[in-house]
């Protein structure tokens, strides 16, 4: 009932199989899948801090750092979206994320909106996310809106809701996105 796909090449690390996305991790609270479009600018700092505290990395992509931070925070959080919300202040740079747990799909856009992310409905009931609205068109989904910069959108059996705690009212899209 929930799926995540990704077709983007690695922008950090090398383009090898272990760096492909979505990245799937198993941890004490279950399984998470993460698809990440963007680049963190504080990767070296975060990775070094996590390694000093015992983290072992299997890839060379910054997406694994995000997944590790979510998993670490999730251990003491009541829900995965709360864990995601807690790590956003630690992430610097441009990113759009899709995070899948066994019962939820969570979409996140960085607080400045550098990377695009939108959603729509397929067959008037299934929620679909994409980095470009033309991807929605190609599958016959109806575009609803862009995810706001800093917004966390949660889709579960109760429907769609969002957390806007990190919305700053600032939109600094990368100029390349307009050209692209």
N, C-alpha and C. Protein backbone atom coordinates (compact mmCIF):
# COMPACT_ATOMS: atom_id res chain seq x y z
N UNK A 1 0.80 -1.21 0.00
CA UNK A 1 0.00 0.00 0.00
C UNK A 1 0.84 1.26 0.00
N UNK A 2 2.13 1.13 0.31
CA UNK A 2 3.03 2.28 0.30
C UNK A 2 4.27 1.89 -0.50
N UNK A 3 4.74 2.81 -1.31
CA UNK A 3 5.95 2.53 -2.10
C UNK A 3 6.75 3.81 -2.26
N UNK A 4 8.06 3.64 -2.41
CA UNK A 4 8.97 4.75 -2.68
C UNK A 4 9.89 4.33 -3.80
N UNK A 5 10.04 5.20 -4.79
CA UNK A 5 10.97 4.95 -5.88
C UNK A 5 11.90 6.13 -6.03
N UNK A 6 13.01 5.92 -6.72
CA UNK A 6 13.98 6.99 -6.90
C UNK A 6 14.76 6.73 -8.19
N UNK A 7 14.96 7.75 -8.99
CA UNK A 7 15.70 7.57 -10.24
C UNK A 7 16.89 8.50 -10.36
N UNK A 8 17.25 9.17 -9.30
CA UNK A 8 18.34 10.13 -9.34
C UNK A 8 19.68 9.45 -9.06
N UNK A 9 20.71 9.91 -9.72
CA UNK A 9 22.05 9.40 -9.49
C UNK A 9 22.62 9.95 -8.19
N UNK A 10 23.66 9.33 -7.67
CA UNK A 10 24.31 9.81 -6.45
C UNK A 10 25.03 11.12 -6.73
N UNK A 11 24.84 12.09 -5.85
CA UNK A 11 25.59 13.34 -6.00
C UNK A 11 26.70 13.44 -4.96
N UNK A 12 26.62 12.64 -3.93
CA UNK A 12 27.74 12.51 -2.99
C UNK A 12 28.13 11.04 -3.02
N UNK A 13 29.39 10.79 -2.82
CA UNK A 13 29.85 9.41 -2.93
C UNK A 13 29.90 9.03 -4.40
N UNK A 14 30.20 7.79 -4.66
CA UNK A 14 30.31 7.34 -6.05
C UNK A 14 29.02 6.65 -6.48
N UNK A 15 28.86 6.51 -7.79
CA UNK A 15 27.66 5.87 -8.34
C UNK A 15 27.87 4.35 -8.37
N UNK A 16 27.74 3.75 -7.20
CA UNK A 16 27.87 2.31 -7.06
C UNK A 16 26.59 1.77 -6.43
N UNK A 17 26.39 0.47 -6.54
CA UNK A 17 25.14 -0.16 -6.09
C UNK A 17 24.76 0.19 -4.65
N UNK A 18 25.72 0.14 -3.74
CA UNK A 18 25.36 0.39 -2.34
C UNK A 18 24.91 1.83 -2.08
N UNK A 19 25.18 2.73 -3.02
CA UNK A 19 24.73 4.12 -2.88
C UNK A 19 23.39 4.38 -3.55
N UNK A 20 22.77 3.35 -4.14
CA UNK A 20 21.51 3.57 -4.84
C UNK A 20 20.37 3.79 -3.84
N UNK A 21 19.36 4.46 -4.32
CA UNK A 21 18.21 4.78 -3.48
C UNK A 21 16.95 4.20 -4.09
N UNK A 22 15.91 4.00 -3.30
CA UNK A 22 15.82 4.39 -1.90
C UNK A 22 16.74 3.55 -1.02
N UNK A 23 17.23 4.19 0.00
CA UNK A 23 18.07 3.54 1.00
C UNK A 23 17.14 2.88 2.01
N UNK A 24 17.34 1.61 2.28
CA UNK A 24 16.49 0.89 3.23
C UNK A 24 17.34 0.50 4.43
N UNK A 25 16.84 0.84 5.62
CA UNK A 25 17.56 0.48 6.85
C UNK A 25 16.63 -0.28 7.78
N UNK A 26 17.21 -1.18 8.54
CA UNK A 26 16.49 -1.91 9.59
C UNK A 26 17.11 -1.50 10.91
N UNK A 27 16.25 -1.15 11.85
CA UNK A 27 16.73 -0.73 13.16
C UNK A 27 15.73 -1.20 14.21
N UNK A 28 15.96 -0.86 15.46
CA UNK A 28 15.19 -1.40 16.57
C UNK A 28 13.68 -1.14 16.45
N UNK A 29 13.27 -0.06 15.82
CA UNK A 29 11.85 0.27 15.67
C UNK A 29 11.24 -0.28 14.38
N UNK A 30 12.03 -0.95 13.56
CA UNK A 30 11.49 -1.51 12.32
C UNK A 30 12.33 -1.17 11.10
N UNK A 31 11.65 -0.83 10.03
CA UNK A 31 12.31 -0.56 8.75
C UNK A 31 11.95 0.85 8.28
N UNK A 32 12.92 1.51 7.68
CA UNK A 32 12.71 2.80 7.04
C UNK A 32 13.30 2.75 5.64
N UNK A 33 12.60 3.36 4.69
CA UNK A 33 13.15 3.57 3.36
C UNK A 33 13.23 5.07 3.16
N UNK A 34 14.30 5.54 2.57
CA UNK A 34 14.52 6.96 2.39
C UNK A 34 14.95 7.25 0.96
N UNK A 35 14.25 8.19 0.33
CA UNK A 35 14.67 8.72 -0.97
C UNK A 35 14.99 10.19 -0.76
N UNK A 36 16.12 10.63 -1.27
CA UNK A 36 16.65 11.97 -0.98
C UNK A 36 17.09 12.64 -2.26
N UNK A 37 16.58 13.83 -2.50
CA UNK A 37 17.01 14.66 -3.62
C UNK A 37 17.66 15.89 -3.01
N UNK A 38 18.93 16.07 -3.24
CA UNK A 38 19.62 17.25 -2.72
C UNK A 38 21.00 16.92 -2.20
N UNK A 39 21.57 17.88 -1.51
CA UNK A 39 22.90 17.73 -0.93
C UNK A 39 22.95 18.45 0.41
N UNK A 40 23.48 17.77 1.41
CA UNK A 40 23.72 18.42 2.69
C UNK A 40 25.06 19.13 2.62
N UNK A 41 25.14 20.31 3.20
CA UNK A 41 26.41 21.03 3.22
C UNK A 41 27.22 20.76 4.48
N UNK A 42 26.59 20.12 5.47
CA UNK A 42 27.31 19.80 6.71
C UNK A 42 27.53 18.29 6.87
N UNK A 43 27.66 17.58 5.74
CA UNK A 43 27.85 16.14 5.75
C UNK A 43 29.07 15.71 6.56
N UNK A 44 30.19 16.35 6.32
CA UNK A 44 31.44 15.95 6.99
C UNK A 44 31.29 16.09 8.50
N UNK A 45 30.73 17.19 8.95
CA UNK A 45 30.55 17.44 10.38
C UNK A 45 29.62 16.40 11.00
N UNK A 46 28.46 16.17 10.38
CA UNK A 46 27.50 15.20 10.93
C UNK A 46 28.07 13.79 10.95
N UNK A 47 28.70 13.40 9.85
CA UNK A 47 29.24 12.04 9.77
C UNK A 47 30.33 11.82 10.81
N UNK A 48 31.20 12.79 10.96
CA UNK A 48 32.29 12.69 11.94
C UNK A 48 31.72 12.57 13.36
N UNK A 49 30.73 13.37 13.67
CA UNK A 49 30.10 13.32 15.00
C UNK A 49 29.45 11.95 15.24
N UNK A 50 28.74 11.45 14.25
CA UNK A 50 28.08 10.15 14.39
C UNK A 50 29.10 9.02 14.52
N UNK A 51 30.17 9.06 13.73
CA UNK A 51 31.21 8.02 13.82
C UNK A 51 31.90 8.03 15.17
N UNK A 52 32.13 9.21 15.74
CA UNK A 52 32.75 9.29 17.07
C UNK A 52 31.85 8.68 18.14
N UNK A 53 30.54 8.60 17.85
CA UNK A 53 29.59 7.99 18.78
C UNK A 53 29.25 6.56 18.41
N UNK A 54 30.05 5.96 17.52
CA UNK A 54 29.90 4.54 17.23
C UNK A 54 29.17 4.17 15.95
N UNK A 55 28.72 5.14 15.18
CA UNK A 55 28.00 4.83 13.95
C UNK A 55 28.93 4.17 12.93
N UNK A 56 28.38 3.21 12.22
CA UNK A 56 29.11 2.53 11.15
C UNK A 56 28.31 2.74 9.88
N UNK A 57 28.94 3.25 8.84
CA UNK A 57 28.24 3.56 7.60
C UNK A 57 28.56 2.53 6.53
N UNK A 58 27.53 2.18 5.76
CA UNK A 58 27.66 1.19 4.69
C UNK A 58 27.77 1.83 3.32
N UNK A 59 27.51 3.15 3.23
CA UNK A 59 27.54 3.86 1.95
C UNK A 59 28.42 5.10 2.09
N UNK A 60 28.54 5.83 1.00
CA UNK A 60 29.26 7.11 1.04
C UNK A 60 28.32 8.26 0.70
N UNK A 61 27.01 8.07 0.86
CA UNK A 61 26.04 9.11 0.52
C UNK A 61 25.52 9.81 1.78
N UNK A 62 25.19 11.09 1.62
CA UNK A 62 24.66 11.85 2.75
C UNK A 62 23.27 11.38 3.16
N UNK A 63 22.58 10.67 2.31
CA UNK A 63 21.26 10.12 2.63
C UNK A 63 21.35 9.16 3.82
N UNK A 64 22.44 8.42 3.92
CA UNK A 64 22.59 7.48 5.03
C UNK A 64 22.73 8.22 6.35
N UNK A 65 23.34 9.38 6.32
CA UNK A 65 23.45 10.20 7.53
C UNK A 65 22.06 10.62 7.99
N UNK A 66 21.22 11.05 7.04
CA UNK A 66 19.85 11.45 7.38
C UNK A 66 19.09 10.26 7.96
N UNK A 67 19.20 9.11 7.32
CA UNK A 67 18.51 7.91 7.81
C UNK A 67 18.98 7.55 9.21
N UNK A 68 20.28 7.63 9.46
CA UNK A 68 20.83 7.32 10.78
C UNK A 68 20.29 8.28 11.83
N UNK A 69 20.26 9.58 11.51
CA UNK A 69 19.74 10.56 12.45
C UNK A 69 18.27 10.30 12.78
N UNK A 70 17.48 9.97 11.76
CA UNK A 70 16.06 9.67 11.99
C UNK A 70 15.93 8.45 12.90
N UNK A 71 16.65 7.38 12.58
CA UNK A 71 16.56 6.15 13.37
C UNK A 71 16.98 6.39 14.81
N UNK A 72 18.04 7.14 14.99
CA UNK A 72 18.54 7.43 16.35
C UNK A 72 17.50 8.23 17.14
N UNK A 73 16.90 9.20 16.51
CA UNK A 73 15.89 10.03 17.19
C UNK A 73 14.59 9.28 17.40
N UNK A 74 14.28 8.36 16.49
CA UNK A 74 13.02 7.61 16.57
C UNK A 74 12.95 6.73 17.81
N UNK A 75 14.09 6.29 18.30
CA UNK A 75 14.13 5.43 19.48
C UNK A 75 13.44 6.09 20.67
N UNK A 76 13.53 7.40 20.79
CA UNK A 76 12.92 8.11 21.92
C UNK A 76 11.72 8.98 21.52
N UNK A 77 11.28 8.90 20.29
CA UNK A 77 10.14 9.69 19.81
C UNK A 77 8.89 8.83 19.76
N UNK A 78 7.74 9.46 19.92
CA UNK A 78 6.48 8.73 19.89
C UNK A 78 6.04 8.32 18.50
N UNK A 79 6.55 8.99 17.46
CA UNK A 79 6.19 8.67 16.08
C UNK A 79 7.33 9.07 15.17
N UNK A 80 7.41 8.42 14.01
CA UNK A 80 8.50 8.68 13.09
C UNK A 80 8.50 10.13 12.61
N UNK A 81 7.32 10.72 12.41
CA UNK A 81 7.29 12.13 11.97
C UNK A 81 7.84 13.07 13.03
N UNK A 82 7.71 12.71 14.30
CA UNK A 82 8.31 13.52 15.37
C UNK A 82 9.83 13.43 15.33
N UNK A 83 10.33 12.25 15.05
CA UNK A 83 11.78 12.08 14.90
C UNK A 83 12.30 12.90 13.73
N UNK A 84 11.58 12.86 12.63
CA UNK A 84 11.97 13.64 11.45
C UNK A 84 11.99 15.13 11.80
N UNK A 85 10.95 15.59 12.46
CA UNK A 85 10.87 17.01 12.85
C UNK A 85 12.04 17.42 13.74
N UNK A 86 12.47 16.54 14.62
CA UNK A 86 13.56 16.86 15.53
C UNK A 86 14.91 16.97 14.83
N UNK A 87 15.09 16.27 13.71
CA UNK A 87 16.42 16.32 13.06
C UNK A 87 16.53 17.45 12.03
N UNK A 88 15.43 18.02 11.59
CA UNK A 88 15.49 19.06 10.56
C UNK A 88 16.45 20.20 10.92
N UNK A 89 16.45 20.69 12.16
CA UNK A 89 17.40 21.77 12.47
C UNK A 89 18.87 21.37 12.31
N UNK A 90 19.16 20.09 12.30
CA UNK A 90 20.54 19.64 12.16
C UNK A 90 20.99 19.53 10.71
N UNK A 91 20.02 19.51 9.78
CA UNK A 91 20.34 19.33 8.36
C UNK A 91 20.53 20.68 7.69
N UNK A 92 21.72 20.88 7.13
CA UNK A 92 22.01 22.11 6.40
C UNK A 92 22.15 21.77 4.92
N UNK A 93 21.57 22.60 4.08
CA UNK A 93 21.69 22.38 2.65
C UNK A 93 20.33 22.25 1.99
N UNK A 94 20.34 21.63 0.84
CA UNK A 94 19.15 21.49 0.01
C UNK A 94 18.68 20.05 0.03
N UNK A 95 17.38 19.85 0.29
CA UNK A 95 16.88 18.48 0.27
C UNK A 95 15.36 18.43 0.18
N UNK A 96 14.92 17.41 -0.49
CA UNK A 96 13.55 16.93 -0.43
C UNK A 96 13.68 15.46 -0.07
N UNK A 97 12.81 14.99 0.83
CA UNK A 97 12.90 13.62 1.31
C UNK A 97 11.55 12.93 1.22
N UNK A 98 11.59 11.65 0.92
CA UNK A 98 10.45 10.77 1.12
C UNK A 98 10.93 9.69 2.06
N UNK A 99 10.18 9.49 3.13
CA UNK A 99 10.54 8.51 4.15
C UNK A 99 9.35 7.57 4.30
N UNK A 100 9.63 6.28 4.18
CA UNK A 100 8.57 5.29 4.30
C UNK A 100 8.82 4.41 5.50
N UNK A 101 7.83 4.33 6.37
CA UNK A 101 7.84 3.37 7.46
C UNK A 101 6.78 2.33 7.10
N UNK A 102 6.61 1.29 7.88
CA UNK A 102 5.62 0.28 7.51
C UNK A 102 4.19 0.80 7.35
N UNK A 103 3.85 1.90 8.04
CA UNK A 103 2.47 2.39 7.98
C UNK A 103 2.33 3.85 7.57
N UNK A 104 3.43 4.52 7.22
CA UNK A 104 3.37 5.95 6.89
C UNK A 104 4.30 6.29 5.74
N UNK A 105 3.89 7.30 4.99
CA UNK A 105 4.76 7.92 3.99
C UNK A 105 4.90 9.37 4.39
N UNK A 106 6.13 9.83 4.52
CA UNK A 106 6.40 11.18 4.99
C UNK A 106 7.22 11.91 3.93
N UNK A 107 6.76 13.10 3.56
CA UNK A 107 7.47 13.94 2.60
C UNK A 107 7.98 15.17 3.33
N UNK A 108 9.22 15.57 3.05
CA UNK A 108 9.85 16.69 3.74
C UNK A 108 10.56 17.56 2.71
N UNK A 109 10.41 18.86 2.88
CA UNK A 109 11.14 19.81 2.03
C UNK A 109 11.97 20.71 2.93
N UNK A 110 13.20 21.00 2.52
CA UNK A 110 14.07 21.81 3.37
C UNK A 110 13.44 23.18 3.66
N UNK A 111 13.78 23.80 4.80
CA UNK A 111 13.13 25.04 5.22
C UNK A 111 13.28 26.23 4.27
N UNK A 112 14.20 26.17 3.32
CA UNK A 112 14.34 27.25 2.36
C UNK A 112 13.75 26.90 0.99
N UNK A 113 13.32 25.66 0.82
CA UNK A 113 12.69 25.26 -0.43
C UNK A 113 13.62 25.18 -1.62
N UNK A 114 14.89 24.88 -1.37
CA UNK A 114 15.85 24.79 -2.47
C UNK A 114 15.47 23.71 -3.48
N UNK A 115 15.02 22.57 -3.00
CA UNK A 115 14.65 21.47 -3.89
C UNK A 115 13.13 21.39 -3.99
N UNK A 116 12.63 21.07 -5.18
CA UNK A 116 11.18 21.02 -5.38
C UNK A 116 10.57 19.73 -4.83
N UNK A 117 9.30 19.79 -4.49
CA UNK A 117 8.53 18.62 -4.07
C UNK A 117 7.06 19.00 -4.13
N UNK A 118 6.27 18.16 -4.76
CA UNK A 118 4.84 18.43 -4.87
C UNK A 118 4.08 17.13 -4.64
N UNK A 119 2.75 17.27 -4.53
CA UNK A 119 1.94 16.06 -4.40
C UNK A 119 0.63 16.22 -5.14
N UNK A 120 0.03 15.08 -5.38
CA UNK A 120 -1.26 15.06 -6.04
C UNK A 120 -1.99 13.78 -5.67
N UNK A 121 -3.13 13.60 -6.32
CA UNK A 121 -3.94 12.40 -6.08
C UNK A 121 -4.07 11.59 -7.36
N UNK A 122 -3.94 10.31 -7.21
CA UNK A 122 -4.15 9.37 -8.30
C UNK A 122 -5.47 8.67 -8.04
N UNK A 123 -6.36 8.70 -9.02
CA UNK A 123 -7.69 8.09 -8.88
C UNK A 123 -8.46 8.65 -7.69
N UNK A 124 -8.26 9.92 -7.41
CA UNK A 124 -8.96 10.65 -6.34
C UNK A 124 -8.75 10.13 -4.93
N UNK A 125 -7.81 9.19 -4.73
CA UNK A 125 -7.62 8.69 -3.37
C UNK A 125 -6.17 8.40 -2.99
N UNK A 126 -5.34 8.01 -3.92
CA UNK A 126 -3.96 7.67 -3.59
C UNK A 126 -3.09 8.92 -3.68
N UNK A 127 -2.34 9.20 -2.63
CA UNK A 127 -1.44 10.35 -2.61
C UNK A 127 -0.13 9.96 -3.27
N UNK A 128 0.36 10.81 -4.17
CA UNK A 128 1.64 10.58 -4.84
C UNK A 128 2.48 11.85 -4.73
N UNK A 129 3.77 11.66 -4.49
CA UNK A 129 4.72 12.77 -4.38
C UNK A 129 5.71 12.68 -5.54
N UNK A 130 6.20 13.83 -5.98
CA UNK A 130 7.21 13.87 -7.03
C UNK A 130 7.98 15.17 -6.93
N UNK A 131 9.18 15.18 -7.49
CA UNK A 131 9.95 16.42 -7.48
C UNK A 131 9.48 17.36 -8.58
N UNK A 132 8.84 16.84 -9.61
CA UNK A 132 8.29 17.70 -10.67
C UNK A 132 6.85 17.32 -10.93
N UNK A 133 6.01 18.32 -11.15
CA UNK A 133 4.59 18.04 -11.40
C UNK A 133 4.37 17.28 -12.70
N UNK A 134 5.29 17.37 -13.65
CA UNK A 134 5.13 16.62 -14.90
C UNK A 134 5.16 15.11 -14.65
N UNK A 135 5.80 14.68 -13.56
CA UNK A 135 5.79 13.26 -13.21
C UNK A 135 4.38 12.83 -12.82
N UNK A 136 3.64 13.72 -12.17
CA UNK A 136 2.25 13.42 -11.82
C UNK A 136 1.42 13.31 -13.09
N UNK A 137 1.64 14.25 -14.02
CA UNK A 137 0.92 14.22 -15.29
C UNK A 137 1.13 12.90 -16.02
N UNK A 138 2.36 12.41 -15.99
CA UNK A 138 2.70 11.21 -16.75
C UNK A 138 1.99 9.96 -16.26
N UNK A 139 1.51 9.97 -15.01
CA UNK A 139 0.78 8.80 -14.49
C UNK A 139 -0.72 9.07 -14.34
N UNK A 140 -1.13 10.26 -14.77
CA UNK A 140 -2.55 10.60 -14.69
C UNK A 140 -3.00 11.08 -13.34
N UNK A 141 -2.06 11.53 -12.50
CA UNK A 141 -2.41 12.05 -11.18
C UNK A 141 -2.76 13.53 -11.29
N UNK A 142 -3.62 13.97 -10.40
CA UNK A 142 -4.02 15.37 -10.36
C UNK A 142 -3.14 16.13 -9.38
N UNK A 143 -2.44 17.15 -9.88
CA UNK A 143 -1.59 17.99 -9.04
C UNK A 143 -2.45 18.72 -8.01
N UNK A 144 -2.02 18.71 -6.74
CA UNK A 144 -2.71 19.44 -5.68
C UNK A 144 -1.94 20.71 -5.35
N UNK A 145 -0.67 20.55 -4.93
CA UNK A 145 0.15 21.72 -4.58
C UNK A 145 1.58 21.31 -4.33
N UNK A 146 2.45 22.31 -4.24
CA UNK A 146 3.82 22.10 -3.82
C UNK A 146 3.84 21.92 -2.30
N UNK A 147 4.75 21.09 -1.83
CA UNK A 147 5.01 21.00 -0.40
C UNK A 147 5.73 22.30 -0.04
N UNK A 148 5.29 22.96 1.02
CA UNK A 148 5.89 24.23 1.41
C UNK A 148 7.31 24.03 1.94
N UNK A 149 8.18 25.02 1.75
CA UNK A 149 9.50 24.93 2.36
C UNK A 149 9.39 24.72 3.87
N UNK A 150 10.04 23.68 4.37
CA UNK A 150 10.01 23.35 5.80
C UNK A 150 8.86 22.47 6.24
N UNK A 151 7.95 22.17 5.33
CA UNK A 151 6.77 21.38 5.68
C UNK A 151 7.08 19.89 5.70
N UNK A 152 6.43 19.20 6.62
CA UNK A 152 6.47 17.74 6.71
C UNK A 152 5.04 17.27 6.44
N UNK A 153 4.86 16.47 5.40
CA UNK A 153 3.54 15.96 5.05
C UNK A 153 3.51 14.48 5.37
N UNK A 154 2.52 14.07 6.15
CA UNK A 154 2.38 12.68 6.58
C UNK A 154 1.14 12.08 5.94
N UNK A 155 1.30 10.89 5.34
CA UNK A 155 0.17 10.16 4.78
C UNK A 155 0.13 8.81 5.50
N UNK A 156 -1.02 8.51 6.11
CA UNK A 156 -1.22 7.23 6.76
C UNK A 156 -2.67 6.81 6.62
N UNK A 157 -3.11 5.83 7.36
CA UNK A 157 -4.47 5.32 7.22
C UNK A 157 -5.53 6.35 7.59
N UNK A 158 -5.12 7.40 8.28
CA UNK A 158 -6.04 8.47 8.67
C UNK A 158 -6.13 9.56 7.61
N UNK A 159 -5.32 9.48 6.57
CA UNK A 159 -5.33 10.49 5.52
C UNK A 159 -4.04 11.28 5.48
N UNK A 160 -4.16 12.55 5.10
CA UNK A 160 -3.01 13.42 4.92
C UNK A 160 -3.06 14.55 5.95
N UNK A 161 -1.91 14.83 6.56
CA UNK A 161 -1.80 15.95 7.49
C UNK A 161 -0.38 16.48 7.39
N UNK A 162 -0.16 17.67 7.93
CA UNK A 162 1.19 18.21 7.85
C UNK A 162 1.61 18.90 9.13
N UNK A 163 2.92 18.99 9.27
CA UNK A 163 3.56 19.69 10.37
C UNK A 163 4.28 20.87 9.73
N UNK A 164 4.01 22.05 10.22
CA UNK A 164 4.61 23.26 9.62
C UNK A 164 5.54 23.99 10.60
N UNK A 165 6.03 23.29 11.59
CA UNK A 165 6.90 23.91 12.60
C UNK A 165 8.17 24.51 12.02
N UNK A 166 8.62 24.01 10.88
CA UNK A 166 9.88 24.47 10.31
C UNK A 166 9.68 25.39 9.11
N UNK A 167 8.45 25.77 8.84
CA UNK A 167 8.16 26.70 7.74
C UNK A 167 8.55 28.11 8.18
N UNK A 168 9.40 28.74 7.39
CA UNK A 168 9.89 30.08 7.73
C UNK A 168 9.29 31.16 6.84
N UNK A 169 8.48 30.74 5.86
CA UNK A 169 7.92 31.72 4.94
C UNK A 169 8.94 32.25 3.95
N UNK A 170 10.03 31.52 3.79
CA UNK A 170 11.11 31.92 2.87
C UNK A 170 11.20 30.86 1.78
N UNK A 171 11.31 31.30 0.54
CA UNK A 171 11.46 30.35 -0.55
C UNK A 171 12.67 30.76 -1.38
N UNK A 172 13.69 29.93 -1.35
CA UNK A 172 14.94 30.22 -2.07
C UNK A 172 15.24 29.11 -3.06
N UNK A 173 14.34 28.89 -3.97
CA UNK A 173 14.56 27.84 -4.96
C UNK A 173 15.86 28.05 -5.70
N UNK A 174 16.49 26.94 -6.00
CA UNK A 174 17.69 26.96 -6.84
C UNK A 174 17.27 27.43 -8.23
N UNK A 175 17.96 28.37 -8.81
CA UNK A 175 17.60 28.91 -10.13
C UNK A 175 17.60 27.82 -11.20
N UNK A 176 18.42 26.81 -11.00
CA UNK A 176 18.46 25.70 -11.95
C UNK A 176 17.11 25.02 -12.04
N UNK A 177 16.36 24.99 -10.94
CA UNK A 177 15.05 24.33 -10.95
C UNK A 177 14.09 25.01 -11.92
N UNK A 178 14.19 26.33 -12.07
CA UNK A 178 13.33 27.04 -13.02
C UNK A 178 13.69 26.67 -14.47
N UNK A 179 14.98 26.53 -14.71
CA UNK A 179 15.45 26.17 -16.05
C UNK A 179 15.10 24.73 -16.36
N UNK A 180 15.30 23.86 -15.40
CA UNK A 180 15.06 22.45 -15.54
C UNK A 180 13.58 22.18 -15.79
